Amino acid sequence: MPALLHRICLKGIELSMRCLRRLVDFYNPTYQLSYPYQENRSRSPREPCDCRNTKANVRLSFQISSILSNVEESCSVFISNIKAIPELYKRATASKALMGISKVVAINSTVLLGVAYSLRRRAPWPVLVPLVQASAIGFLVAVSALPSLNFVGLFRKSRDGYFPWWSHVLHFWYMSMAKGYVYARRKQTSEPAYTEVSNGLYVGGWPFQPSDVPPGNPAIVDCTCELPRSECVRDLPYLCIPTWDSRAPLAKDIQEAVQWAADKKNRENRPIFVHCAFGHGRSVTVMCALLLALKVVESLEAARKLIKDRRPRIHMNELQMQSFEIWQKQHHS
């Protein structure tokens, strides 16, 4: 299953690139910009038409072609980097911990790509381009989140929680769907946005509105790499340790977050809010380490029990347990 899923991801990226090449050719300024079957269905899609001579159409055509070419180039570079590291590729396909975000995103991207392919002759470019682009980015995410690769820099999220402007543009549709999914799932469950696990220590999900932020102007530890810093926490102390959903923060990132949060807690007497997307895995891993560092509990089992008694849906998977054990041996022995 892991090897098959990884092949599907790579094939999906290649198929997305093929669709992008067709779109680039179609919207090349040499050929007509408008939908080729609107006025004369007998005309070939590659036959020039009169509208290509207008400055506005040529300018728009160049812009579309440039955007699609940039996306195609990003896909090409990513595939070449993956195939240039045979050992890493082999470990990724053999990994038993491939599920989680890689599986979910790969399935969704395949569905989006199938929809785009089925509409290729009927839908206009404003519909096809977002579908193909979101599908291509989804396949990149599925491969980047493989435990053996774990490339958290795909979106270039900074330590203060912001994305560069080009990342917002290139990944707009994927980020929009990720935020929409978090918002919809939050509304469907009765689980609170945050939970206080000890005095002034909160764990929870991504805050997208002021009511999702604990009281007391807390310091924020963000454990996501796919969700932006919300406006409701713009003026609060903030640290991001980018981590993929269902994956584990690195031991050095856990230590950085623990030191930063402990300093805010002890020196400024600020509450601490550690969050990921839903407050179940990544944030719980960091919170367990923080509880040990602040001597609230004496062991991982006690920390997990303390959090689970107050937030029953938490679950640390095998990768997160291993990362915590590495942090404990290196920094809390």
C-alpha atoms as a PDB file:
ATOM      1  CA  MET A   1       0.000   0.000   0.000  1.00  0.00           C
ATOM      2  CA  PRO A   2       2.715   2.633   0.794  1.00  0.00           C
ATOM      3  CA  ALA A   3       4.604   1.904  -2.443  1.00  0.00           C
ATOM      4  CA  LEU A   4       1.386   2.043  -4.483  1.00  0.00           C
ATOM      5  CA  LEU A   5       0.303   5.296  -2.850  1.00  0.00           C
ATOM      6  CA  HIS A   6       3.692   6.890  -3.503  1.00  0.00           C
ATOM      7  CA  ARG A   7       3.565   5.865  -7.174  1.00  0.00           C
ATOM      8  CA  ILE A   8       0.086   7.356  -7.431  1.00  0.00           C
ATOM      9  CA  CYS A   9       1.394  10.641  -6.034  1.00  0.00           C
ATOM     10  CA  LEU A  10       4.251  10.835  -8.546  1.00  0.00           C
ATOM     11  CA  LYS A  11       2.016   9.793 -11.441  1.00  0.00           C
ATOM     12  CA  GLY A  12      -0.486  12.392 -10.335  1.00  0.00           C
ATOM     13  CA  ILE A  13       2.192  15.105 -10.393  1.00  0.00           C
ATOM     14  CA  GLU A  14       3.304  14.016 -13.867  1.00  0.00           C
ATOM     15  CA  LEU A  15      -0.278  13.964 -15.143  1.00  0.00           C
ATOM     16  CA  SER A  16      -0.851  17.406 -13.635  1.00  0.00           C
ATOM     17  CA  MET A  17       2.242  18.649 -15.465  1.00  0.00           C
ATOM     18  CA  ARG A  18       0.918  17.197 -18.716  1.00  0.00           C
ATOM     19  CA  CYS A  19      -2.353  19.055 -18.235  1.00  0.00           C
ATOM     20  CA  LEU A  20      -0.428  22.241 -17.456  1.00  0.00           C
ATOM     21  CA  ARG A  21       1.588  21.885 -20.649  1.00  0.00           C
ATOM     22  CA  ARG A  22      -1.646  21.584 -22.626  1.00  0.00           C
ATOM     23  CA  LEU A  23      -2.997  24.693 -20.923  1.00  0.00           C
ATOM     24  CA  VAL A  24       0.239  26.587 -21.564  1.00  0.00           C
ATOM     25  CA  ASP A  25       0.081  25.673 -25.251  1.00  0.00           C
ATOM     26  CA  PHE A  26      -3.603  26.522 -25.430  1.00  0.00           C
ATOM     27  CA  TYR A  27      -3.158  29.990 -23.931  1.00  0.00           C
ATOM     28  CA  ASN A  28       0.000  30.805 -25.815  1.00  0.00           C
ATOM     29  CA  PRO A  29      -0.436  34.212 -27.468  1.00  0.00           C
ATOM     30  CA  THR A  30       0.180  32.644 -30.891  1.00  0.00           C
ATOM     31  CA  TYR A  31      -3.205  31.010 -30.667  1.00  0.00           C
ATOM     32  CA  GLN A  32      -6.672  32.284 -29.864  1.00  0.00           C
ATOM     33  CA  LEU A  33      -7.396  33.202 -26.262  1.00  0.00           C
ATOM     34  CA  SER A  34     -11.160  32.730 -26.165  1.00  0.00           C
ATOM     35  CA  TYR A  35     -12.803  29.348 -25.888  1.00  0.00           C
ATOM     36  CA  PRO A  36     -12.295  27.806 -29.344  1.00  0.00           C
ATOM     37  CA  TYR A  37     -15.754  26.328 -29.740  1.00  0.00           C
ATOM     38  CA  GLN A  38     -17.899  29.318 -28.847  1.00  0.00           C
ATOM     39  CA  GLU A  39     -18.167  30.944 -32.260  1.00  0.00           C
ATOM     40  CA  ASN A  40     -16.976  28.414 -34.778  1.00  0.00           C
ATOM     41  CA  ARG A  41     -16.970  24.790 -33.688  1.00  0.00           C
ATOM     42  CA  SER A  42     -15.279  23.725 -36.908  1.00  0.00           C
ATOM     43  CA  ARG A  43     -12.183  25.833 -36.174  1.00  0.00           C
ATOM     44  CA  SER A  44      -9.182  23.956 -34.803  1.00  0.00           C
ATOM     45  CA  PRO A  45      -8.137  24.965 -31.260  1.00  0.00           C
ATOM     46  CA  ARG A  46      -4.667  25.791 -32.635  1.00  0.00           C
ATOM     47  CA  GLU A  47      -5.900  27.865 -35.578  1.00  0.00           C
ATOM     48  CA  PRO A  48      -5.200  31.582 -35.099  1.00  0.00           C
ATOM     49  CA  CYS A  49      -8.136  33.949 -34.780  1.00  0.00           C
ATOM     50  CA  ASP A  50      -8.528  37.695 -35.080  1.00  0.00           C
ATOM     51  CA  CYS A  51      -8.667  38.332 -31.311  1.00  0.00           C
ATOM     52  CA  ARG A  52      -4.985  37.470 -30.938  1.00  0.00           C
ATOM     53  CA  ASN A  53      -4.012  40.823 -32.402  1.00  0.00           C
ATOM     54  CA  THR A  54      -5.531  42.907 -29.607  1.00  0.00           C
ATOM     55  CA  LYS A  55      -3.106  44.168 -26.970  1.00  0.00           C
ATOM     56  CA  ALA A  56      -5.357  43.229 -24.037  1.00  0.00           C
ATOM     57  CA  ASN A  57      -5.762  39.621 -25.156  1.00  0.00           C
ATOM     58  CA  VAL A  58      -2.061  39.195 -25.860  1.00  0.00           C
ATOM     59  CA  ARG A  59      -1.148  40.683 -22.460  1.00  0.00           C
ATOM     60  CA  LEU A  60      -3.628  38.433 -20.627  1.00  0.00           C
ATOM     61  CA  SER A  61      -2.431  35.425 -22.605  1.00  0.00           C
ATOM     62  CA  PHE A  62       1.174  36.086 -21.611  1.00  0.00           C
ATOM     63  CA  GLN A  63       0.163  36.374 -17.946  1.00  0.00           C
ATOM     64  CA  ILE A  64      -1.758  33.094 -18.006  1.00  0.00           C
ATOM     65  CA  SER A  65       1.048  31.320 -19.833  1.00  0.00           C
ATOM     66  CA  SER A  66       3.630  32.674 -17.364  1.00  0.00           C
ATOM     67  CA  ILE A  67       1.681  31.562 -14.292  1.00  0.00           C
ATOM     68  CA  LEU A  68       1.094  28.067 -15.667  1.00  0.00           C
ATOM     69  CA  SER A  69       4.743  27.763 -16.711  1.00  0.00           C
ATOM     70  CA  ASN A  70       5.902  28.667 -13.174  1.00  0.00           C
ATOM     71  CA  VAL A  71       3.675  25.986 -11.643  1.00  0.00           C
ATOM     72  CA  GLU A  72       4.935  23.439 -14.174  1.00  0.00           C
ATOM     73  CA  GLU A  73       8.551  24.394 -13.432  1.00  0.00           C
ATOM     74  CA  SER A  74       7.988  23.927  -9.674  1.00  0.00           C
ATOM     75  CA  CYS A  75       6.552  20.448 -10.285  1.00  0.00           C
ATOM     76  CA  SER A  76       9.498  19.542 -12.538  1.00  0.00           C
ATOM     77  CA  VAL A  77      12.086  20.645  -9.968  1.00  0.00           C
ATOM     78  CA  PHE A  78      10.332  18.741  -7.192  1.00  0.00           C
ATOM     79  CA  ILE A  79      10.168  15.495  -9.214  1.00  0.00           C
ATOM     80  CA  SER A  80      13.806  15.780 -10.278  1.00  0.00           C
ATOM     81  CA  ASN A  81      14.867  16.270  -6.642  1.00  0.00           C
ATOM     82  CA  ILE A  82      12.911  13.211  -5.527  1.00  0.00           C
ATOM     83  CA  LYS A  83      14.278  10.975  -8.283  1.00  0.00           C
ATOM     84  CA  ALA A  84      17.818  12.241  -7.720  1.00  0.00           C
ATOM     85  CA  ILE A  85      17.880  10.628  -4.276  1.00  0.00           C
ATOM     86  CA  PRO A  86      17.259   6.894  -4.855  1.00  0.00           C
ATOM     87  CA  GLU A  87      17.831   5.829  -1.278  1.00  0.00           C
ATOM     88  CA  LEU A  88      15.447   8.416   0.082  1.00  0.00           C
ATOM     89  CA  TYR A  89      12.877   7.446  -2.533  1.00  0.00           C
ATOM     90  CA  LYS A  90      13.240   3.800  -1.592  1.00  0.00           C
ATOM     91  CA  ARG A  91      12.776   4.486   2.128  1.00  0.00           C
ATOM     92  CA  ALA A  92       9.757   6.648   1.418  1.00  0.00           C
ATOM     93  CA  THR A  93       7.990   3.962  -0.602  1.00  0.00           C
ATOM     94  CA  ALA A  94       8.786   1.336   2.026  1.00  0.00           C
ATOM     95  CA  SER A  95       7.638   3.411   4.987  1.00  0.00           C
ATOM     96  CA  LYS A  96       4.923   1.869   7.113  1.00  0.00           C
ATOM     97  CA  ALA A  97       3.887   5.213   8.541  1.00  0.00           C
ATOM     98  CA  LEU A  98       2.770   6.649   5.198  1.00  0.00           C
ATOM     99  CA  MET A  99      -0.856   7.151   6.153  1.00  0.00           C
ATOM    100  CA  GLY A 100      -2.193  10.343   7.665  1.00  0.00           C
ATOM    101  CA  ILE A 101      -1.935  13.478   5.578  1.00  0.00           C
ATOM    102  CA  SER A 102      -0.175  11.756   2.657  1.00  0.00           C
ATOM    103  CA  LYS A 103      -3.064   9.360   2.161  1.00  0.00           C
ATOM    104  CA  VAL A 104      -5.833  11.905   2.631  1.00  0.00           C
ATOM    105  CA  VAL A 105      -4.286  14.563   0.407  1.00  0.00           C
ATOM    106  CA  ALA A 106      -3.325  12.073  -2.317  1.00  0.00           C
ATOM    107  CA  ILE A 107      -6.904  10.776  -2.519  1.00  0.00           C
ATOM    108  CA  ASN A 108      -8.382  14.285  -2.616  1.00  0.00           C
ATOM    109  CA  SER A 109      -5.872  15.396  -5.254  1.00  0.00           C
ATOM    110  CA  THR A 110      -6.692  12.389  -7.398  1.00  0.00           C
ATOM    111  CA  VAL A 111     -10.374  13.260  -7.217  1.00  0.00           C
ATOM    112  CA  LEU A 112      -9.692  16.891  -8.171  1.00  0.00           C
ATOM    113  CA  LEU A 113      -7.500  15.821 -11.068  1.00  0.00           C
ATOM    114  CA  GLY A 114     -10.196  13.424 -12.272  1.00  0.00           C
ATOM    115  CA  VAL A 115     -12.784  16.199 -12.184  1.00  0.00           C
ATOM    116  CA  ALA A 116     -10.481  18.522 -14.132  1.00  0.00           C
ATOM    117  CA  TYR A 117      -9.788  15.828 -16.710  1.00  0.00           C
ATOM    118  CA  SER A 118     -13.478  15.074 -17.183  1.00  0.00           C
ATOM    119  CA  LEU A 119     -14.220  18.794 -17.713  1.00  0.00           C
ATOM    120  CA  ARG A 120     -11.252  19.510 -19.970  1.00  0.00           C
ATOM    121  CA  ARG A 121     -13.376  19.986 -23.130  1.00  0.00           C
ATOM    122  CA  ARG A 122     -16.362  21.673 -21.534  1.00  0.00           C
ATOM    123  CA  ALA A 123     -15.149  23.977 -18.767  1.00  0.00           C
ATOM    124  CA  PRO A 124     -13.381  27.328 -19.334  1.00  0.00           C
ATOM    125  CA  TRP A 125      -9.875  27.989 -18.040  1.00  0.00           C
ATOM    126  CA  PRO A 126     -10.989  29.837 -14.843  1.00  0.00           C
ATOM    127  CA  VAL A 127     -12.442  26.497 -13.720  1.00  0.00           C
ATOM    128  CA  LEU A 128      -9.736  24.142 -14.980  1.00  0.00           C
ATOM    129  CA  VAL A 129      -6.675  26.061 -13.765  1.00  0.00           C
ATOM    130  CA  PRO A 130      -7.637  26.103 -10.038  1.00  0.00           C
ATOM    131  CA  LEU A 131      -8.531  22.390 -10.138  1.00  0.00           C
ATOM    132  CA  VAL A 132      -5.267  21.370 -11.795  1.00  0.00           C
ATOM    133  CA  GLN A 133      -3.204  23.717  -9.629  1.00  0.00           C
ATOM    134  CA  ALA A 134      -4.790  22.516  -6.369  1.00  0.00           C
ATOM    135  CA  SER A 135      -4.337  18.906  -7.465  1.00  0.00           C
ATOM    136  CA  ALA A 136      -0.657  19.422  -8.323  1.00  0.00           C
ATOM    137  CA  ILE A 137       0.064  21.158  -5.003  1.00  0.00           C
ATOM    138  CA  GLY A 138      -1.821  18.396  -3.213  1.00  0.00           C
ATOM    139  CA  PHE A 139       0.411  15.728  -4.734  1.00  0.00           C
ATOM    140  CA  LEU A 140       3.481  17.774  -3.752  1.00  0.00           C
ATOM    141  CA  VAL A 141       2.157  17.942  -0.187  1.00  0.00           C
ATOM    142  CA  ALA A 142       1.490  14.189  -0.121  1.00  0.00           C
ATOM    143  CA  VAL A 143       5.085  13.444  -1.128  1.00  0.00           C
ATOM    144  CA  SER A 144       6.615  16.203   1.036  1.00  0.00           C
ATOM    145  CA  ALA A 145       4.831  14.850   4.121  1.00  0.00           C
ATOM    146  CA  LEU A 146       6.276  11.360   3.748  1.00  0.00           C
ATOM    147  CA  PRO A 147       8.032  10.492   7.042  1.00  0.00           C
ATOM    148  CA  SER A 148      11.265   9.678   5.224  1.00  0.00           C
ATOM    149  CA  LEU A 149      11.270  13.049   3.475  1.00  0.00           C
ATOM    150  CA  ASN A 150       9.357  15.327   5.881  1.00  0.00           C
ATOM    151  CA  PHE A 151       9.986  18.492   3.875  1.00  0.00           C
ATOM    152  CA  VAL A 152       8.185  21.156   5.938  1.00  0.00           C
ATOM    153  CA  GLY A 153       9.537  24.057   3.881  1.00  0.00           C
ATOM    154  CA  LEU A 154       7.188  23.586   0.940  1.00  0.00           C
ATOM    155  CA  PHE A 155       5.072  26.612   1.899  1.00  0.00           C
ATOM    156  CA  ARG A 156       8.043  28.547   3.376  1.00  0.00           C
ATOM    157  CA  LYS A 157       6.174  29.370   6.582  1.00  0.00           C
ATOM    158  CA  SER A 158       8.368  31.527   8.814  1.00  0.00           C
ATOM    159  CA  ARG A 159       8.930  31.310  12.569  1.00  0.00           C
ATOM    160  CA  ASP A 160       6.517  34.185  13.090  1.00  0.00           C
ATOM    161  CA  GLY A 161       3.769  32.297  11.275  1.00  0.00           C
ATOM    162  CA  TYR A 162       3.585  34.166   7.960  1.00  0.00           C
ATOM    163  CA  PHE A 163       3.928  33.004   4.366  1.00  0.00           C
ATOM    164  CA  PRO A 164       5.759  34.969   1.650  1.00  0.00           C
ATOM    165  CA  TRP A 165       3.514  36.602  -0.939  1.00  0.00           C
ATOM    166  CA  TRP A 166       4.467  34.173  -3.698  1.00  0.00           C
ATOM    167  CA  SER A 167       3.514  31.221  -1.492  1.00  0.00           C
ATOM    168  CA  HIS A 168       0.068  32.750  -0.953  1.00  0.00           C
ATOM    169  CA  VAL A 169      -0.340  33.070  -4.727  1.00  0.00           C
ATOM    170  CA  LEU A 170       1.053  29.670  -5.708  1.00  0.00           C
ATOM    171  CA  HIS A 171      -0.709  27.691  -2.957  1.00  0.00           C
ATOM    172  CA  PHE A 172      -3.853  29.789  -2.685  1.00  0.00           C
ATOM    173  CA  TRP A 173      -6.346  27.063  -3.576  1.00  0.00           C
ATOM    174  CA  TYR A 174      -4.752  24.390  -1.399  1.00  0.00           C
ATOM    175  CA  MET A 175      -4.545  26.720   1.618  1.00  0.00           C
ATOM    176  CA  SER A 176      -8.134  27.812   1.092  1.00  0.00           C
ATOM    177  CA  MET A 177      -9.322  24.197   1.102  1.00  0.00           C
ATOM    178  CA  ALA A 178      -7.211  23.423   4.199  1.00  0.00           C
ATOM    179  CA  LYS A 179      -8.697  26.371   6.098  1.00  0.00           C
ATOM    180  CA  GLY A 180     -12.187  25.453   4.920  1.00  0.00           C
ATOM    181  CA  TYR A 181     -11.736  21.858   6.071  1.00  0.00           C
ATOM    182  CA  VAL A 182     -10.576  22.934   9.543  1.00  0.00           C
ATOM    183  CA  TYR A 183     -13.452  25.392   9.845  1.00  0.00           C
ATOM    184  CA  ALA A 184     -16.075  22.841   8.716  1.00  0.00           C
ATOM    185  CA  ARG A 185     -14.779  20.074  10.977  1.00  0.00           C
ATOM    186  CA  ARG A 186     -14.658  22.443  13.953  1.00  0.00           C
ATOM    187  CA  LYS A 187     -18.294  23.334  13.393  1.00  0.00           C
ATOM    188  CA  GLN A 188     -19.334  19.676  13.156  1.00  0.00           C
ATOM    189  CA  THR A 189     -17.829  18.647  16.491  1.00  0.00           C
ATOM    190  CA  SER A 190     -18.628  19.752  20.000  1.00  0.00           C
ATOM    191  CA  GLU A 191     -14.951  19.845  20.981  1.00  0.00           C
ATOM    192  CA  PRO A 192     -13.835  23.256  22.288  1.00  0.00           C
ATOM    193  CA  ALA A 193     -11.229  25.218  20.374  1.00  0.00           C
ATOM    194  CA  TYR A 194      -8.857  25.064  23.358  1.00  0.00           C
ATOM    195  CA  THR A 195      -8.553  23.262  26.686  1.00  0.00           C
ATOM    196  CA  GLU A 196      -6.680  24.270  29.834  1.00  0.00           C
ATOM    197  CA  VAL A 197      -4.572  21.292  30.909  1.00  0.00           C
ATOM    198  CA  SER A 198      -2.836  23.029  33.810  1.00  0.00           C
ATOM    199  CA  ASN A 199      -2.702  26.499  35.326  1.00  0.00           C
ATOM    200  CA  GLY A 200      -2.145  28.862  32.372  1.00  0.00           C
ATOM    201  CA  LEU A 201      -1.286  26.060  29.917  1.00  0.00           C
ATOM    202  CA  TYR A 202      -3.676  25.560  26.996  1.00  0.00           C
ATOM    203  CA  VAL A 203      -3.726  23.127  24.091  1.00  0.00           C
ATOM    204  CA  GLY A 204      -6.098  23.306  21.141  1.00  0.00           C
ATOM    205  CA  GLY A 205      -6.756  23.816  17.453  1.00  0.00           C
ATOM    206  CA  TRP A 206      -5.975  26.548  14.951  1.00  0.00           C
ATOM    207  CA  PRO A 207      -7.539  29.851  16.119  1.00  0.00           C
ATOM    208  CA  PHE A 208      -9.339  31.581  13.259  1.00  0.00           C
ATOM    209  CA  GLN A 209     -11.545  33.871  15.369  1.00  0.00           C
ATOM    210  CA  PRO A 210     -11.072  35.757  18.676  1.00  0.00           C
ATOM    211  CA  SER A 211     -13.219  33.288  20.640  1.00  0.00           C
ATOM    212  CA  ASP A 212     -10.707  30.536  19.782  1.00  0.00           C
ATOM    213  CA  VAL A 213      -7.931  32.273  21.743  1.00  0.00           C
ATOM    214  CA  PRO A 214      -7.587  31.571  25.501  1.00  0.00           C
ATOM    215  CA  PRO A 215      -7.932  34.514  27.896  1.00  0.00           C
ATOM    216  CA  GLY A 216      -5.006  36.485  29.267  1.00  0.00           C
ATOM    217  CA  ASN A 217      -3.152  37.400  26.032  1.00  0.00           C
ATOM    218  CA  PRO A 218      -1.303  34.084  25.796  1.00  0.00           C
ATOM    219  CA  ALA A 219       1.962  33.370  24.010  1.00  0.00           C
ATOM    220  CA  ILE A 220       1.243  31.219  20.955  1.00  0.00           C
ATOM    221  CA  VAL A 221       3.168  28.111  19.890  1.00  0.00           C
ATOM    222  CA  ASP A 222       2.014  27.145  16.388  1.00  0.00           C
ATOM    223  CA  CYS A 223       2.759  23.575  15.306  1.00  0.00           C
ATOM    224  CA  THR A 224       1.313  23.790  11.771  1.00  0.00           C
ATOM    225  CA  CYS A 225       3.030  24.394   8.441  1.00  0.00           C
ATOM    226  CA  GLU A 226      -0.114  24.539   6.286  1.00  0.00           C
ATOM    227  CA  LEU A 227      -2.178  27.166   8.128  1.00  0.00           C
ATOM    228  CA  PRO A 228      -1.363  30.890   8.371  1.00  0.00           C
ATOM    229  CA  ARG A 229      -1.135  33.100  11.419  1.00  0.00           C
ATOM    230  CA  SER A 230      -4.619  34.475  12.040  1.00  0.00           C
ATOM    231  CA  GLU A 231      -5.427  38.128  12.514  1.00  0.00           C
ATOM    232  CA  CYS A 232      -6.845  37.377  15.959  1.00  0.00           C
ATOM    233  CA  VAL A 233      -3.334  36.532  17.272  1.00  0.00           C
ATOM    234  CA  ARG A 234      -1.416  39.130  15.283  1.00  0.00           C
ATOM    235  CA  ASP A 235      -0.424  41.172  18.359  1.00  0.00           C
ATOM    236  CA  LEU A 236       0.471  38.229  20.621  1.00  0.00           C
ATOM    237  CA  PRO A 237       3.937  36.678  21.155  1.00  0.00           C
ATOM    238  CA  TYR A 238       4.249  33.968  18.536  1.00  0.00           C
ATOM    239  CA  LEU A 239       6.514  31.062  17.632  1.00  0.00           C
ATOM    240  CA  CYS A 240       5.938  28.611  14.802  1.00  0.00           C
ATOM    241  CA  ILE A 241       7.596  25.190  14.575  1.00  0.00           C
ATOM    242  CA  PRO A 242       6.338  24.001  11.149  1.00  0.00           C
ATOM    243  CA  THR A 243       5.105  20.394  11.216  1.00  0.00           C
ATOM    244  CA  TRP A 244       2.903  18.417   8.844  1.00  0.00           C
ATOM    245  CA  ASP A 245      -0.414  17.101  10.073  1.00  0.00           C
ATOM    246  CA  SER A 246      -0.118  13.572  11.573  1.00  0.00           C
ATOM    247  CA  ARG A 247       3.695  13.972  11.656  1.00  0.00           C
ATOM    248  CA  ALA A 248       5.956  14.829  14.585  1.00  0.00           C
ATOM    249  CA  PRO A 249       7.917  17.976  15.437  1.00  0.00           C
ATOM    250  CA  LEU A 250      11.659  17.466  15.386  1.00  0.00           C
ATOM    251  CA  ALA A 251      13.385  17.129  18.761  1.00  0.00           C
ATOM    252  CA  LYS A 252      15.261  20.411  18.243  1.00  0.00           C
ATOM    253  CA  ASP A 253      11.995  22.188  17.414  1.00  0.00           C
ATOM    254  CA  ILE A 254      10.351  20.749  20.514  1.00  0.00           C
ATOM    255  CA  GLN A 255      13.240  22.029  22.616  1.00  0.00           C
ATOM    256  CA  GLU A 256      13.058  25.479  21.010  1.00  0.00           C
ATOM    257  CA  ALA A 257       9.319  25.665  21.680  1.00  0.00           C
ATOM    258  CA  VAL A 258       9.718  24.457  25.274  1.00  0.00           C
ATOM    259  CA  GLN A 259      12.462  26.979  26.068  1.00  0.00           C
ATOM    260  CA  TRP A 260      10.544  29.839  24.458  1.00  0.00           C
ATOM    261  CA  ALA A 261       7.253  28.961  26.186  1.00  0.00           C
ATOM    262  CA  ALA A 262       8.888  28.385  29.575  1.00  0.00           C
ATOM    263  CA  ASP A 263      10.583  31.777  29.328  1.00  0.00           C
ATOM    264  CA  LYS A 264       7.273  33.500  28.535  1.00  0.00           C
ATOM    265  CA  LYS A 265       5.578  31.623  31.363  1.00  0.00           C
ATOM    266  CA  ASN A 266       8.209  32.223  34.035  1.00  0.00           C
ATOM    267  CA  ARG A 267       9.436  35.735  33.195  1.00  0.00           C
ATOM    268  CA  GLU A 268       6.266  37.379  31.876  1.00  0.00           C
ATOM    269  CA  ASN A 269       3.725  35.178  33.665  1.00  0.00           C
ATOM    270  CA  ARG A 270       1.875  34.771  30.375  1.00  0.00           C
ATOM    271  CA  PRO A 271      -0.494  31.891  29.614  1.00  0.00           C
ATOM    272  CA  ILE A 272       0.775  29.513  26.922  1.00  0.00           C
ATOM    273  CA  PHE A 273      -1.392  28.284  24.050  1.00  0.00           C
ATOM    274  CA  VAL A 274       0.059  25.416  22.011  1.00  0.00           C
ATOM    275  CA  HIS A 275      -2.010  24.626  18.941  1.00  0.00           C
ATOM    276  CA  CYS A 276      -1.988  22.600  15.729  1.00  0.00           C
ATOM    277  CA  ALA A 277      -4.963  22.134  13.385  1.00  0.00           C
ATOM    278  CA  PHE A 278      -7.281  20.376  15.872  1.00  0.00           C
ATOM    279  CA  GLY A 279      -5.272  20.042  19.080  1.00  0.00           C
ATOM    280  CA  HIS A 280      -4.915  16.253  18.949  1.00  0.00           C
ATOM    281  CA  GLY A 281      -1.354  15.268  18.003  1.00  0.00           C
ATOM    282  CA  ARG A 282       1.363  17.789  17.129  1.00  0.00           C
ATOM    283  CA  SER A 283       0.400  20.289  19.809  1.00  0.00           C
ATOM    284  CA  VAL A 284      -0.046  17.531  22.389  1.00  0.00           C
ATOM    285  CA  THR A 285       3.523  16.340  21.729  1.00  0.00           C
ATOM    286  CA  VAL A 286       4.910  19.808  22.493  1.00  0.00           C
ATOM    287  CA  MET A 287       2.591  20.284  25.476  1.00  0.00           C
ATOM    288  CA  CYS A 288       3.757  16.994  27.034  1.00  0.00           C
ATOM    289  CA  ALA A 289       7.349  18.187  26.766  1.00  0.00           C
ATOM    290  CA  LEU A 290       6.413  21.541  28.279  1.00  0.00           C
ATOM    291  CA  LEU A 291       4.644  19.869  31.208  1.00  0.00           C
ATOM    292  CA  LEU A 292       7.778  17.864  31.932  1.00  0.00           C
ATOM    293  CA  ALA A 293      10.050  20.896  31.590  1.00  0.00           C
ATOM    294  CA  LEU A 294       7.904  22.927  33.995  1.00  0.00           C
ATOM    295  CA  LYS A 295       7.831  19.965  36.420  1.00  0.00           C
ATOM    296  CA  VAL A 296       4.035  19.753  36.317  1.00  0.00           C
ATOM    297  CA  VAL A 297       4.337  15.978  35.732  1.00  0.00           C
ATOM    298  CA  GLU A 298       7.153  13.484  35.989  1.00  0.00           C
ATOM    299  CA  SER A 299       6.633  11.260  32.928  1.00  0.00           C
ATOM    300  CA  LEU A 300       5.135  11.108  29.457  1.00  0.00           C
ATOM    301  CA  GLU A 301       2.379   8.770  30.634  1.00  0.00           C
ATOM    302  CA  ALA A 302       1.355  11.226  33.343  1.00  0.00           C
ATOM    303  CA  ALA A 303       1.381  14.123  30.864  1.00  0.00           C
ATOM    304  CA  ARG A 304      -0.759  12.249  28.359  1.00  0.00           C
ATOM    305  CA  LYS A 305      -3.209  11.219  31.049  1.00  0.00           C
ATOM    306  CA  LEU A 306      -3.458  14.780  32.343  1.00  0.00           C
ATOM    307  CA  ILE A 307      -4.260  16.118  28.862  1.00  0.00           C
ATOM    308  CA  LYS A 308      -6.559  13.253  27.880  1.00  0.00           C
ATOM    309  CA  ASP A 309      -8.672  13.668  31.017  1.00  0.00           C
ATOM    310  CA  ARG A 310      -9.427  17.221  29.872  1.00  0.00           C
ATOM    311  CA  ARG A 311      -9.357  16.738  26.078  1.00  0.00           C
ATOM    312  CA  PRO A 312     -10.449  13.137  25.379  1.00  0.00           C
ATOM    313  CA  ARG A 313      -9.844  13.079  21.615  1.00  0.00           C
ATOM    314  CA  ILE A 314      -6.080  13.567  21.743  1.00  0.00           C
ATOM    315  CA  HIS A 315      -3.869  10.882  20.214  1.00  0.00           C
ATOM    316  CA  MET A 316      -0.095  10.768  19.850  1.00  0.00           C
ATOM    317  CA  ASN A 317       0.882   8.441  17.011  1.00  0.00           C
ATOM    318  CA  GLU A 318       4.055   6.377  16.738  1.00  0.00           C
ATOM    319  CA  LEU A 319       6.062   9.118  15.010  1.00  0.00           C
ATOM    320  CA  GLN A 320       5.158  11.645  17.688  1.00  0.00           C
ATOM    321  CA  MET A 321       6.026   9.218  20.472  1.00  0.00           C
ATOM    322  CA  GLN A 322       9.424   8.558  18.892  1.00  0.00           C
ATOM    323  CA  SER A 323      10.136  12.263  18.504  1.00  0.00           C
ATOM    324  CA  PHE A 324       9.206  12.909  22.133  1.00  0.00           C
ATOM    325  CA  GLU A 325      11.501  10.106  23.310  1.00  0.00           C
ATOM    326  CA  ILE A 326      14.382  11.586  21.288  1.00  0.00           C
ATOM    327  CA  TRP A 327      13.749  15.000  22.839  1.00  0.00           C
ATOM    328  CA  GLN A 328      13.604  13.471  26.317  1.00  0.00           C
ATOM    329  CA  LYS A 329      16.926  11.670  25.874  1.00  0.00           C
ATOM    330  CA  GLN A 330      18.700  14.701  24.410  1.00  0.00           C
ATOM    331  CA  HIS A 331      17.275  17.528  26.501  1.00  0.00           C
ATOM    332  CA  HIS A 332      15.491  16.154  29.551  1.00  0.00           C
ATOM    333  CA  SER A 333      17.540  13.214  30.755  1.00  0.00           C
END
